[in-house]
């Protein structure tokens, strides 16, 4: 439990600290990537974004998803989280939606099928 809290605290500090490292840049082109509900995914310039690539069958990915849930609960407006499933052989829209319901949080979940990120 102490390791989990320490990891969460360290990740929170690192992610929030990244905002100070960002330089002004041009706005990114709008992506054609959609989340599992079909909503377009955008990357706002004003906050750091953590993109997590995973697969629903991966035990450490499930654990990390739960850690990101804690980070998101602590900093819902400071950090944008995006979870991307990279295994089209086992992950379907339905199975990834169930994964989000079981383990994930209220942030963007993208199923990578034929899109470039």
PDB file of N, CA and C in Angstrom:
ATOM      1  N   UNK A   1       0.818  -1.188   0.000  1.00  0.00           N
ATOM      2  CA  UNK A   1       0.000   0.000   0.000  1.00  0.00           C
ATOM      3  C   UNK A   1       0.864   1.255   0.000  1.00  0.00           C
ATOM      4  N   UNK A   2       1.946   1.249   0.799  1.00  0.00           N
ATOM      5  CA  UNK A   2       2.827   2.409   0.846  1.00  0.00           C
ATOM      6  C   UNK A   2       3.500   2.633  -0.499  1.00  0.00           C
ATOM      7  N   UNK A   3       3.876   1.521  -1.177  1.00  0.00           N
ATOM      8  CA  UNK A   3       4.496   1.648  -2.494  1.00  0.00           C
ATOM      9  C   UNK A   3       3.524   2.275  -3.481  1.00  0.00           C
ATOM     10  N   UNK A   4       2.273   1.862  -3.399  1.00  0.00           N
ATOM     11  CA  UNK A   4       1.262   2.375  -4.316  1.00  0.00           C
ATOM     12  C   UNK A   4       1.038   3.866  -4.098  1.00  0.00           C
ATOM     13  N   UNK A   5       0.940   4.275  -2.854  1.00  0.00           N
ATOM     14  CA  UNK A   5       0.753   5.690  -2.544  1.00  0.00           C
ATOM     15  C   UNK A   5       1.981   6.484  -2.961  1.00  0.00           C
ATOM     16  N   UNK A   6       3.173   5.946  -2.706  1.00  0.00           N
ATOM     17  CA  UNK A   6       4.406   6.624  -3.107  1.00  0.00           C
ATOM     18  C   UNK A   6       4.475   6.768  -4.616  1.00  0.00           C
ATOM     19  N   UNK A   7       4.145   5.693  -5.346  1.00  0.00           N
ATOM     20  CA  UNK A   7       4.164   5.742  -6.802  1.00  0.00           C
ATOM     21  C   UNK A   7       3.181   6.791  -7.307  1.00  0.00           C
ATOM     22  N   UNK A   8       1.979   6.805  -6.737  1.00  0.00           N
ATOM     23  CA  UNK A   8       0.970   7.777  -7.139  1.00  0.00           C
ATOM     24  C   UNK A   8       1.446   9.195  -6.869  1.00  0.00           C
ATOM     25  N   UNK A   9       2.036   9.418  -5.719  1.00  0.00           N
ATOM     26  CA  UNK A   9       2.535  10.750  -5.380  1.00  0.00           C
ATOM     27  C   UNK A   9       3.647  11.185  -6.325  1.00  0.00           C
ATOM     28  N   UNK A  10       4.566  10.282  -6.623  1.00  0.00           N
ATOM     29  CA  UNK A  10       5.671  10.606  -7.531  1.00  0.00           C
ATOM     30  C   UNK A  10       5.142  10.923  -8.921  1.00  0.00           C
ATOM     31  N   UNK A  11       4.220  10.093  -9.426  1.00  0.00           N
ATOM     32  CA  UNK A  11       3.654  10.330 -10.758  1.00  0.00           C
ATOM     33  C   UNK A  11       2.925  11.666 -10.808  1.00  0.00           C
ATOM     34  N   UNK A  12       2.197  11.990  -9.749  1.00  0.00           N
ATOM     35  CA  UNK A  12       1.473  13.251  -9.707  1.00  0.00           C
ATOM     36  C   UNK A  12       2.434  14.428  -9.776  1.00  0.00           C
ATOM     37  N   UNK A  13       3.481  14.390  -8.979  1.00  0.00           N
ATOM     38  CA  UNK A  13       4.474  15.466  -8.981  1.00  0.00           C
ATOM     39  C   UNK A  13       5.137  15.581 -10.348  1.00  0.00           C
ATOM     40  N   UNK A  14       5.508  14.450 -10.937  1.00  0.00           N
ATOM     41  CA  UNK A  14       6.154  14.476 -12.250  1.00  0.00           C
ATOM     42  C   UNK A  14       5.232  15.030 -13.324  1.00  0.00           C
ATOM     43  N   UNK A  15       3.989  14.586 -13.319  1.00  0.00           N
ATOM     44  CA  UNK A  15       3.062  15.038 -14.349  1.00  0.00           C
ATOM     45  C   UNK A  15       2.737  16.520 -14.220  1.00  0.00           C
ATOM     46  N   UNK A  16       2.511  16.971 -13.012  1.00  0.00           N
ATOM     47  CA  UNK A  16       2.220  18.386 -12.815  1.00  0.00           C
ATOM     48  C   UNK A  16       3.466  19.224 -13.086  1.00  0.00           C
ATOM     49  N   UNK A  17       4.636  18.695 -12.739  1.00  0.00           N
ATOM     50  CA  UNK A  17       5.884  19.404 -13.009  1.00  0.00           C
ATOM     51  C   UNK A  17       6.155  19.585 -14.482  1.00  0.00           C
ATOM     52  N   UNK A  18       5.617  18.711 -15.301  1.00  0.00           N
ATOM     53  CA  UNK A  18       5.827  18.829 -16.743  1.00  0.00           C
ATOM     54  C   UNK A  18       5.212  20.095 -17.323  1.00  0.00           C
ATOM     55  N   UNK A  19       4.223  20.641 -16.655  1.00  0.00           N
ATOM     56  CA  UNK A  19       3.607  21.858 -17.176  1.00  0.00           C
ATOM     57  C   UNK A  19       4.604  23.009 -17.190  1.00  0.00           C
ATOM     58  N   UNK A  20       5.534  23.014 -16.266  1.00  0.00           N
ATOM     59  CA  UNK A  20       6.540  24.071 -16.226  1.00  0.00           C
ATOM     60  C   UNK A  20       7.577  23.910 -17.322  1.00  0.00           C
ATOM     61  N   UNK A  21       7.708  22.709 -17.865  1.00  0.00           N
ATOM     62  CA  UNK A  21       8.710  22.439 -18.897  1.00  0.00           C
ATOM     63  C   UNK A  21       8.207  22.734 -20.292  1.00  0.00           C
ATOM     64  N   UNK A  22       6.923  22.911 -20.457  1.00  0.00           N
ATOM     65  CA  UNK A  22       6.361  23.100 -21.795  1.00  0.00           C
ATOM     66  C   UNK A  22       6.689  24.470 -22.346  1.00  0.00           C
ATOM     67  N   UNK A  23       7.013  24.496 -23.617  1.00  0.00           N
ATOM     68  CA  UNK A  23       7.266  25.754 -24.308  1.00  0.00           C
ATOM     69  C   UNK A  23       6.068  26.070 -25.186  1.00  0.00           C
ATOM     70  N   UNK A  24       5.918  27.338 -25.521  1.00  0.00           N
ATOM     71  CA  UNK A  24       4.855  27.721 -26.429  1.00  0.00           C
ATOM     72  C   UNK A  24       5.069  27.035 -27.764  1.00  0.00           C
ATOM     73  N   UNK A  25       3.995  26.530 -28.326  1.00  0.00           N
ATOM     74  CA  UNK A  25       4.098  25.861 -29.622  1.00  0.00           C
ATOM     75  C   UNK A  25       2.828  26.100 -30.411  1.00  0.00           C
ATOM     76  N   UNK A  26       2.890  25.770 -31.684  1.00  0.00           N
ATOM     77  CA  UNK A  26       1.715  25.878 -32.530  1.00  0.00           C
ATOM     78  C   UNK A  26       0.687  24.843 -32.094  1.00  0.00           C
ATOM     79  N   UNK A  27      -0.562  25.137 -32.350  1.00  0.00           N
ATOM     80  CA  UNK A  27      -1.618  24.193 -32.038  1.00  0.00           C
ATOM     81  C   UNK A  27      -1.482  22.965 -32.920  1.00  0.00           C
ATOM     82  N   UNK A  28      -1.619  21.803 -32.320  1.00  0.00           N
ATOM     83  CA  UNK A  28      -1.527  20.560 -33.087  1.00  0.00           C
ATOM     84  C   UNK A  28      -2.715  20.438 -34.026  1.00  0.00           C
ATOM     85  N   UNK A  29      -2.492  19.811 -35.159  1.00  0.00           N
ATOM     86  CA  UNK A  29      -3.584  19.550 -36.086  1.00  0.00           C
ATOM     87  C   UNK A  29      -4.601  18.644 -35.419  1.00  0.00           C
ATOM     88  N   UNK A  30      -5.865  18.887 -35.729  1.00  0.00           N
ATOM     89  CA  UNK A  30      -6.906  18.028 -35.175  1.00  0.00           C
ATOM     90  C   UNK A  30      -6.730  16.617 -35.708  1.00  0.00           C
ATOM     91  N   UNK A  31      -6.832  15.688 -34.838  1.00  0.00           N
ATOM     92  CA  UNK A  31      -6.649  14.287 -35.180  1.00  0.00           C
ATOM     93  C   UNK A  31      -7.976  13.671 -35.596  1.00  0.00           C
ATOM     94  N   UNK A  32      -7.909  12.605 -36.361  1.00  0.00           N
ATOM     95  CA  UNK A  32      -9.109  11.867 -36.737  1.00  0.00           C
ATOM     96  C   UNK A  32      -9.327  10.681 -35.806  1.00  0.00           C
ATOM     97  N   UNK A  33      -8.611  10.650 -34.716  1.00  0.00           N
ATOM     98  CA  UNK A  33      -8.740   9.567 -33.744  1.00  0.00           C
ATOM     99  C   UNK A  33     -10.021   9.771 -32.946  1.00  0.00           C
ATOM    100  N   UNK A  34     -10.732   8.662 -32.709  1.00  0.00           N
ATOM    101  CA  UNK A  34     -11.955   8.702 -31.914  1.00  0.00           C
ATOM    102  C   UNK A  34     -11.814   7.785 -30.707  1.00  0.00           C
ATOM    103  N   UNK A  35     -12.518   8.150 -29.626  1.00  0.00           N
ATOM    104  CA  UNK A  35     -12.522   7.269 -28.461  1.00  0.00           C
ATOM    105  C   UNK A  35     -13.498   6.116 -28.702  1.00  0.00           C
ATOM    106  N   UNK A  36     -13.669   5.237 -27.714  1.00  0.00           N
ATOM    107  CA  UNK A  36     -14.504   4.053 -27.926  1.00  0.00           C
ATOM    108  C   UNK A  36     -15.998   4.384 -28.002  1.00  0.00           C
ATOM    109  N   UNK A  37     -16.377   5.611 -27.666  1.00  0.00           N
ATOM    110  CA  UNK A  37     -17.762   6.042 -27.838  1.00  0.00           C
ATOM    111  C   UNK A  37     -17.972   6.763 -29.171  1.00  0.00           C
ATOM    112  N   UNK A  38     -16.890   6.944 -29.941  1.00  0.00           N
ATOM    113  CA  UNK A  38     -16.990   7.616 -31.236  1.00  0.00           C
ATOM    114  C   UNK A  38     -16.766   9.116 -31.181  1.00  0.00           C
ATOM    115  N   UNK A  39     -16.366   9.644 -30.033  1.00  0.00           N
ATOM    116  CA  UNK A  39     -16.099  11.076 -29.895  1.00  0.00           C
ATOM    117  C   UNK A  39     -14.690  11.396 -30.382  1.00  0.00           C
ATOM    118  N   UNK A  40     -14.506  12.552 -31.057  1.00  0.00           N
ATOM    119  CA  UNK A  40     -13.156  12.916 -31.499  1.00  0.00           C
ATOM    120  C   UNK A  40     -12.244  13.193 -30.307  1.00  0.00           C
ATOM    121  N   UNK A  41     -10.981  12.836 -30.454  1.00  0.00           N
ATOM    122  CA  UNK A  41      -9.985  13.038 -29.400  1.00  0.00           C
ATOM    123  C   UNK A  41      -9.135  14.239 -29.772  1.00  0.00           C
ATOM    124  N   UNK A  42      -9.029  15.193 -28.863  1.00  0.00           N
ATOM    125  CA  UNK A  42      -8.170  16.354 -29.100  1.00  0.00           C
ATOM    126  C   UNK A  42      -7.153  16.466 -27.976  1.00  0.00           C
ATOM    127  N   UNK A  43      -6.047  17.093 -28.286  1.00  0.00           N
ATOM    128  CA  UNK A  43      -4.977  17.283 -27.308  1.00  0.00           C
ATOM    129  C   UNK A  43      -4.856  18.771 -27.000  1.00  0.00           C
ATOM    130  N   UNK A  44      -5.438  19.213 -25.887  1.00  0.00           N
ATOM    131  CA  UNK A  44      -5.365  20.636 -25.553  1.00  0.00           C
ATOM    132  C   UNK A  44      -3.947  21.053 -25.192  1.00  0.00           C
ATOM    133  N   UNK A  45      -3.562  22.246 -25.623  1.00  0.00           N
ATOM    134  CA  UNK A  45      -2.219  22.765 -25.346  1.00  0.00           C
ATOM    135  C   UNK A  45      -2.032  23.165 -23.892  1.00  0.00           C
ATOM    136  N   UNK A  46      -3.104  23.487 -23.199  1.00  0.00           N
ATOM    137  CA  UNK A  46      -2.958  24.086 -21.876  1.00  0.00           C
ATOM    138  C   UNK A  46      -2.682  23.108 -20.744  1.00  0.00           C
ATOM    139  N   UNK A  47      -2.709  21.815 -21.001  1.00  0.00           N
ATOM    140  CA  UNK A  47      -2.389  20.887 -19.916  1.00  0.00           C
ATOM    141  C   UNK A  47      -1.597  19.695 -20.440  1.00  0.00           C
ATOM    142  N   UNK A  48      -0.770  19.122 -19.563  1.00  0.00           N
ATOM    143  CA  UNK A  48       0.009  17.952 -19.985  1.00  0.00           C
ATOM    144  C   UNK A  48      -0.910  16.765 -20.247  1.00  0.00           C
ATOM    145  N   UNK A  49      -0.478  15.925 -21.171  1.00  0.00           N
ATOM    146  CA  UNK A  49      -1.256  14.751 -21.545  1.00  0.00           C
ATOM    147  C   UNK A  49      -0.409  13.504 -21.365  1.00  0.00           C
ATOM    148  N   UNK A  50      -0.952  12.535 -20.668  1.00  0.00           N
ATOM    149  CA  UNK A  50      -0.301  11.242 -20.489  1.00  0.00           C
ATOM    150  C   UNK A  50      -1.025  10.243 -21.377  1.00  0.00           C
ATOM    151  N   UNK A  51      -0.311   9.715 -22.387  1.00  0.00           N
ATOM    152  CA  UNK A  51      -0.878   8.710 -23.279  1.00  0.00           C
ATOM    153  C   UNK A  51      -0.280   7.372 -22.879  1.00  0.00           C
ATOM    154  N   UNK A  52      -1.155   6.449 -22.507  1.00  0.00           N
ATOM    155  CA  UNK A  52      -0.732   5.147 -22.002  1.00  0.00           C
ATOM    156  C   UNK A  52      -1.121   4.067 -23.010  1.00  0.00           C
ATOM    157  N   UNK A  53      -0.130   3.384 -23.567  1.00  0.00           N
ATOM    158  CA  UNK A  53      -0.356   2.323 -24.537  1.00  0.00           C
ATOM    159  C   UNK A  53      -0.372   0.985 -23.805  1.00  0.00           C
ATOM    160  N   UNK A  54      -1.395   0.167 -24.071  1.00  0.00           N
ATOM    161  CA  UNK A  54      -1.574  -1.055 -23.298  1.00  0.00           C
ATOM    162  C   UNK A  54      -2.387  -2.081 -24.068  1.00  0.00           C
ATOM    163  N   UNK A  55      -2.663  -3.209 -23.417  1.00  0.00           N
ATOM    164  CA  UNK A  55      -3.567  -4.242 -23.922  1.00  0.00           C
ATOM    165  C   UNK A  55      -4.409  -4.733 -22.751  1.00  0.00           C
ATOM    166  N   UNK A  56      -5.644  -5.089 -23.012  1.00  0.00           N
ATOM    167  CA  UNK A  56      -6.550  -5.455 -21.921  1.00  0.00           C
ATOM    168  C   UNK A  56      -6.186  -6.765 -21.244  1.00  0.00           C
ATOM    169  N   UNK A  57      -5.417  -7.613 -21.903  1.00  0.00           N
ATOM    170  CA  UNK A  57      -5.035  -8.904 -21.326  1.00  0.00           C
ATOM    171  C   UNK A  57      -3.783  -8.810 -20.452  1.00  0.00           C
ATOM    172  N   UNK A  58      -3.127  -7.680 -20.413  1.00  0.00           N
ATOM    173  CA  UNK A  58      -1.845  -7.493 -19.735  1.00  0.00           C
ATOM    174  C   UNK A  58      -2.065  -7.183 -18.244  1.00  0.00           C
ATOM    175  N   UNK A  59      -1.595  -8.056 -17.317  1.00  0.00           N
ATOM    176  CA  UNK A  59      -1.806  -7.824 -15.880  1.00  0.00           C
ATOM    177  C   UNK A  59      -1.202  -6.509 -15.378  1.00  0.00           C
ATOM    178  N   UNK A  60      -0.009  -6.164 -15.834  1.00  0.00           N
ATOM    179  CA  UNK A  60       0.587  -4.907 -15.358  1.00  0.00           C
ATOM    180  C   UNK A  60      -0.152  -3.700 -15.930  1.00  0.00           C
ATOM    181  N   UNK A  61      -0.755  -3.859 -17.105  1.00  0.00           N
ATOM    182  CA  UNK A  61      -1.545  -2.770 -17.687  1.00  0.00           C
ATOM    183  C   UNK A  61      -2.804  -2.517 -16.858  1.00  0.00           C
ATOM    184  N   UNK A  62      -3.405  -3.599 -16.376  1.00  0.00           N
ATOM    185  CA  UNK A  62      -4.584  -3.466 -15.518  1.00  0.00           C
ATOM    186  C   UNK A  62      -4.199  -2.735 -14.229  1.00  0.00           C
ATOM    187  N   UNK A  63      -3.086  -3.112 -13.642  1.00  0.00           N
ATOM    188  CA  UNK A  63      -2.604  -2.456 -12.423  1.00  0.00           C
ATOM    189  C   UNK A  63      -2.343  -0.966 -12.682  1.00  0.00           C
ATOM    190  N   UNK A  64      -1.662  -0.672 -13.793  1.00  0.00           N
ATOM    191  CA  UNK A  64      -1.353   0.726 -14.112  1.00  0.00           C
ATOM    192  C   UNK A  64      -2.617   1.535 -14.364  1.00  0.00           C
ATOM    193  N   UNK A  65      -3.604   0.928 -14.983  1.00  0.00           N
ATOM    194  CA  UNK A  65      -4.872   1.623 -15.224  1.00  0.00           C
ATOM    195  C   UNK A  65      -5.490   2.056 -13.892  1.00  0.00           C
ATOM    196  N   UNK A  66      -5.378   1.203 -12.883  1.00  0.00           N
ATOM    197  CA  UNK A  66      -5.897   1.550 -11.562  1.00  0.00           C
ATOM    198  C   UNK A  66      -5.093   2.692 -10.928  1.00  0.00           C
ATOM    199  N   UNK A  67      -3.778   2.717 -11.171  1.00  0.00           N
ATOM    200  CA  UNK A  67      -2.942   3.826 -10.683  1.00  0.00           C
ATOM    201  C   UNK A  67      -3.345   5.127 -11.376  1.00  0.00           C
ATOM    202  N   UNK A  68      -3.559   5.065 -12.690  1.00  0.00           N
ATOM    203  CA  UNK A  68      -3.971   6.262 -13.426  1.00  0.00           C
ATOM    204  C   UNK A  68      -5.337   6.746 -12.957  1.00  0.00           C
ATOM    205  N   UNK A  69      -6.186   5.820 -12.534  1.00  0.00           N
ATOM    206  CA  UNK A  69      -7.484   6.198 -11.991  1.00  0.00           C
ATOM    207  C   UNK A  69      -7.300   7.049 -10.733  1.00  0.00           C
ATOM    208  N   UNK A  70      -6.357   6.650  -9.880  1.00  0.00           N
ATOM    209  CA  UNK A  70      -6.063   7.431  -8.675  1.00  0.00           C
ATOM    210  C   UNK A  70      -5.495   8.806  -9.035  1.00  0.00           C
ATOM    211  N   UNK A  71      -4.575   8.837  -9.998  1.00  0.00           N
ATOM    212  CA  UNK A  71      -3.997  10.114 -10.440  1.00  0.00           C
ATOM    213  C   UNK A  71      -5.097  11.020 -10.966  1.00  0.00           C
ATOM    214  N   UNK A  72      -5.986  10.462 -11.777  1.00  0.00           N
ATOM    215  CA  UNK A  72      -7.079  11.246 -12.354  1.00  0.00           C
ATOM    216  C   UNK A  72      -8.015  11.773 -11.269  1.00  0.00           C
ATOM    217  N   UNK A  73      -8.275  10.965 -10.242  1.00  0.00           N
ATOM    218  CA  UNK A  73      -9.140  11.411  -9.153  1.00  0.00           C
ATOM    219  C   UNK A  73      -8.492  12.543  -8.358  1.00  0.00           C
ATOM    220  N   UNK A  74      -7.164  12.508  -8.227  1.00  0.00           N
ATOM    221  CA  UNK A  74      -6.452  13.564  -7.498  1.00  0.00           C
ATOM    222  C   UNK A  74      -6.311  14.841  -8.322  1.00  0.00           C
ATOM    223  N   UNK A  75      -6.202  14.709  -9.648  1.00  0.00           N
ATOM    224  CA  UNK A  75      -5.935  15.849 -10.531  1.00  0.00           C
ATOM    225  C   UNK A  75      -6.835  15.821 -11.762  1.00  0.00           C
ATOM    226  N   UNK A  76      -8.153  15.828 -11.604  1.00  0.00           N
ATOM    227  CA  UNK A  76      -9.022  15.653 -12.770  1.00  0.00           C
ATOM    228  C   UNK A  76      -8.921  16.770 -13.805  1.00  0.00           C
ATOM    229  N   UNK A  77      -8.547  17.963 -13.390  1.00  0.00           N
ATOM    230  CA  UNK A  77      -8.487  19.086 -14.321  1.00  0.00           C
ATOM    231  C   UNK A  77      -7.071  19.495 -14.701  1.00  0.00           C
ATOM    232  N   UNK A  78      -6.062  18.851 -14.118  1.00  0.00           N
ATOM    233  CA  UNK A  78      -4.683  19.260 -14.356  1.00  0.00           C
ATOM    234  C   UNK A  78      -3.956  18.414 -15.389  1.00  0.00           C
ATOM    235  N   UNK A  79      -4.380  17.175 -15.568  1.00  0.00           N
ATOM    236  CA  UNK A  79      -3.694  16.240 -16.458  1.00  0.00           C
ATOM    237  C   UNK A  79      -4.728  15.534 -17.323  1.00  0.00           C
ATOM    238  N   UNK A  80      -4.483  15.492 -18.637  1.00  0.00           N
ATOM    239  CA  UNK A  80      -5.353  14.726 -19.522  1.00  0.00           C
ATOM    240  C   UNK A  80      -4.766  13.330 -19.685  1.00  0.00           C
ATOM    241  N   UNK A  81      -5.577  12.314 -19.432  1.00  0.00           N
ATOM    242  CA  UNK A  81      -5.154  10.927 -19.603  1.00  0.00           C
ATOM    243  C   UNK A  81      -5.823  10.344 -20.839  1.00  0.00           C
ATOM    244  N   UNK A  82      -5.043   9.586 -21.607  1.00  0.00           N
ATOM    245  CA  UNK A  82      -5.576   8.851 -22.749  1.00  0.00           C
ATOM    246  C   UNK A  82      -4.998   7.446 -22.689  1.00  0.00           C
ATOM    247  N   UNK A  83      -5.865   6.449 -22.620  1.00  0.00           N
ATOM    248  CA  UNK A  83      -5.443   5.057 -22.650  1.00  0.00           C
ATOM    249  C   UNK A  83      -5.688   4.531 -24.056  1.00  0.00           C
ATOM    250  N   UNK A  84      -4.649   3.941 -24.659  1.00  0.00           N
ATOM    251  CA  UNK A  84      -4.748   3.426 -26.026  1.00  0.00           C
ATOM    252  C   UNK A  84      -4.463   1.930 -26.019  1.00  0.00           C
ATOM    253  N   UNK A  85      -5.421   1.145 -26.493  1.00  0.00           N
ATOM    254  CA  UNK A  85      -5.213  -0.291 -26.638  1.00  0.00           C
ATOM    255  C   UNK A  85      -4.544  -0.548 -27.982  1.00  0.00           C
ATOM    256  N   UNK A  86      -3.437  -1.286 -27.947  1.00  0.00           N
ATOM    257  CA  UNK A  86      -2.662  -1.537 -29.161  1.00  0.00           C
ATOM    258  C   UNK A  86      -2.830  -2.946 -29.725  1.00  0.00           C
ATOM    259  N   UNK A  87      -3.720  -3.746 -29.169  1.00  0.00           N
ATOM    260  CA  UNK A  87      -3.845  -5.130 -29.613  1.00  0.00           C
ATOM    261  C   UNK A  87      -5.179  -5.379 -30.312  1.00  0.00           C
ATOM    262  N   UNK A  88      -5.245  -5.121 -31.626  1.00  0.00           N
ATOM    263  CA  UNK A  88      -6.504  -5.327 -32.340  1.00  0.00           C
ATOM    264  C   UNK A  88      -6.879  -6.802 -32.480  1.00  0.00           C
ATOM    265  N   UNK A  89      -5.936  -7.704 -32.195  1.00  0.00           N
ATOM    266  CA  UNK A  89      -6.242  -9.136 -32.285  1.00  0.00           C
ATOM    267  C   UNK A  89      -7.128  -9.615 -31.142  1.00  0.00           C
ATOM    268  N   UNK A  90      -7.000  -9.002 -29.973  1.00  0.00           N
ATOM    269  CA  UNK A  90      -7.803  -9.437 -28.825  1.00  0.00           C
ATOM    270  C   UNK A  90      -8.758  -8.366 -28.322  1.00  0.00           C
ATOM    271  N   UNK A  91      -8.467  -7.114 -28.573  1.00  0.00           N
ATOM    272  CA  UNK A  91      -9.298  -6.035 -28.045  1.00  0.00           C
ATOM    273  C   UNK A  91     -10.288  -5.548 -29.106  1.00  0.00           C
ATOM    274  N   UNK A  92     -11.566  -5.661 -28.772  1.00  0.00           N
ATOM    275  CA  UNK A  92     -12.630  -5.140 -29.621  1.00  0.00           C
ATOM    276  C   UNK A  92     -13.224  -3.920 -28.927  1.00  0.00           C
ATOM    277  N   UNK A  93     -14.078  -3.210 -29.624  1.00  0.00           N
ATOM    278  CA  UNK A  93     -14.733  -2.057 -29.018  1.00  0.00           C
ATOM    279  C   UNK A  93     -15.494  -2.485 -27.755  1.00  0.00           C
ATOM    280  N   UNK A  94     -16.158  -3.625 -27.838  1.00  0.00           N
ATOM    281  CA  UNK A  94     -16.950  -4.113 -26.702  1.00  0.00           C
ATOM    282  C   UNK A  94     -16.058  -4.538 -25.531  1.00  0.00           C
ATOM    283  N   UNK A  95     -14.984  -5.286 -25.826  1.00  0.00           N
ATOM    284  CA  UNK A  95     -14.115  -5.755 -24.738  1.00  0.00           C
ATOM    285  C   UNK A  95     -13.366  -4.589 -24.094  1.00  0.00           C
ATOM    286  N   UNK A  96     -13.013  -3.584 -24.895  1.00  0.00           N
ATOM    287  CA  UNK A  96     -12.311  -2.428 -24.339  1.00  0.00           C
ATOM    288  C   UNK A  96     -13.265  -1.566 -23.513  1.00  0.00           C
ATOM    289  N   UNK A  97     -14.522  -1.482 -23.940  1.00  0.00           N
ATOM    290  CA  UNK A  97     -15.520  -0.754 -23.149  1.00  0.00           C
ATOM    291  C   UNK A  97     -15.735  -1.451 -21.802  1.00  0.00           C
ATOM    292  N   UNK A  98     -15.754  -2.791 -21.804  1.00  0.00           N
ATOM    293  CA  UNK A  98     -15.882  -3.535 -20.542  1.00  0.00           C
ATOM    294  C   UNK A  98     -14.653  -3.321 -19.666  1.00  0.00           C
ATOM    295  N   UNK A  99     -13.464  -3.309 -20.282  1.00  0.00           N
ATOM    296  CA  UNK A  99     -12.228  -3.040 -19.547  1.00  0.00           C
ATOM    297  C   UNK A  99     -12.313  -1.669 -18.880  1.00  0.00           C
ATOM    298  N   UNK A 100     -12.759  -0.662 -19.634  1.00  0.00           N
ATOM    299  CA  UNK A 100     -12.881   0.688 -19.078  1.00  0.00           C
ATOM    300  C   UNK A 100     -13.859   0.688 -17.907  1.00  0.00           C
ATOM    301  N   UNK A 101     -14.963  -0.009 -18.057  1.00  0.00           N
ATOM    302  CA  UNK A 101     -15.956  -0.079 -16.986  1.00  0.00           C
ATOM    303  C   UNK A 101     -15.390  -0.770 -15.747  1.00  0.00           C
ATOM    304  N   UNK A 102     -14.644  -1.853 -15.943  1.00  0.00           N
ATOM    305  CA  UNK A 102     -14.122  -2.635 -14.821  1.00  0.00           C
ATOM    306  C   UNK A 102     -12.920  -1.991 -14.135  1.00  0.00           C
ATOM    307  N   UNK A 103     -12.012  -1.418 -14.913  1.00  0.00           N
ATOM    308  CA  UNK A 103     -10.734  -0.950 -14.359  1.00  0.00           C
ATOM    309  C   UNK A 103     -10.455   0.530 -14.576  1.00  0.00           C
ATOM    310  N   UNK A 104     -10.973   1.082 -15.635  1.00  0.00           N
ATOM    311  CA  UNK A 104     -10.592   2.434 -16.030  1.00  0.00           C
ATOM    312  C   UNK A 104     -11.364   3.510 -15.310  1.00  0.00           C
ATOM    313  N   UNK A 105     -11.037   4.703 -15.682  1.00  0.00           N
ATOM    314  CA  UNK A 105     -11.678   5.857 -15.093  1.00  0.00           C
ATOM    315  C   UNK A 105     -12.396   6.661 -16.148  1.00  0.00           C
ATOM    316  N   UNK A 106     -12.823   7.839 -15.753  1.00  0.00           N
ATOM    317  CA  UNK A 106     -13.595   8.712 -16.626  1.00  0.00           C
ATOM    318  C   UNK A 106     -12.655   9.593 -17.448  1.00  0.00           C
ATOM    319  N   UNK A 107     -11.910   8.972 -18.340  1.00  0.00           N
ATOM    320  CA  UNK A 107     -11.048   9.697 -19.266  1.00  0.00           C
ATOM    321  C   UNK A 107     -11.095   8.982 -20.603  1.00  0.00           C
ATOM    322  N   UNK A 108     -10.381   9.496 -21.566  1.00  0.00           N
ATOM    323  CA  UNK A 108     -10.430   8.993 -22.933  1.00  0.00           C
ATOM    324  C   UNK A 108      -9.767   7.628 -23.061  1.00  0.00           C
ATOM    325  N   UNK A 109     -10.472   6.700 -23.700  1.00  0.00           N
ATOM    326  CA  UNK A 109      -9.947   5.374 -24.022  1.00  0.00           C
ATOM    327  C   UNK A 109     -10.084   5.189 -25.530  1.00  0.00           C
ATOM    328  N   UNK A 110      -8.967   4.876 -26.186  1.00  0.00           N
ATOM    329  CA  UNK A 110      -8.932   4.756 -27.645  1.00  0.00           C
ATOM    330  C   UNK A 110      -8.526   3.340 -28.018  1.00  0.00           C
ATOM    331  N   UNK A 111      -9.258   2.766 -28.952  1.00  0.00           N
ATOM    332  CA  UNK A 111      -8.923   1.457 -29.499  1.00  0.00           C
ATOM    333  C   UNK A 111      -8.233   1.700 -30.833  1.00  0.00           C
ATOM    334  N   UNK A 112      -6.947   1.334 -30.913  1.00  0.00           N
ATOM    335  CA  UNK A 112      -6.176   1.603 -32.127  1.00  0.00           C
ATOM    336  C   UNK A 112      -6.497   0.552 -33.181  1.00  0.00           C
ATOM    337  N   UNK A 113      -7.318   0.948 -34.135  1.00  0.00           N
ATOM    338  CA  UNK A 113      -7.620   0.091 -35.279  1.00  0.00           C
ATOM    339  C   UNK A 113      -7.461   0.944 -36.531  1.00  0.00           C
ATOM    340  N   UNK A 114      -6.362   0.766 -37.220  1.00  0.00           N
ATOM    341  CA  UNK A 114      -6.153   1.455 -38.482  1.00  0.00           C
ATOM    342  C   UNK A 114      -5.996   2.959 -38.386  1.00  0.00           C
ATOM    343  N   UNK A 115      -5.556   3.485 -37.246  1.00  0.00           N
ATOM    344  CA  UNK A 115      -5.313   4.918 -37.127  1.00  0.00           C
ATOM    345  C   UNK A 115      -3.878   5.146 -36.714  1.00  0.00           C
ATOM    346  N   UNK A 116      -3.340   6.267 -37.128  1.00  0.00           N
ATOM    347  CA  UNK A 116      -1.997   6.642 -36.696  1.00  0.00           C
ATOM    348  C   UNK A 116      -2.124   7.639 -35.570  1.00  0.00           C
ATOM    349  N   UNK A 117      -1.388   7.399 -34.507  1.00  0.00           N
ATOM    350  CA  UNK A 117      -1.438   8.289 -33.341  1.00  0.00           C
ATOM    351  C   UNK A 117      -0.235   9.190 -33.324  1.00  0.00           C
TER     352      UNK A 117
END
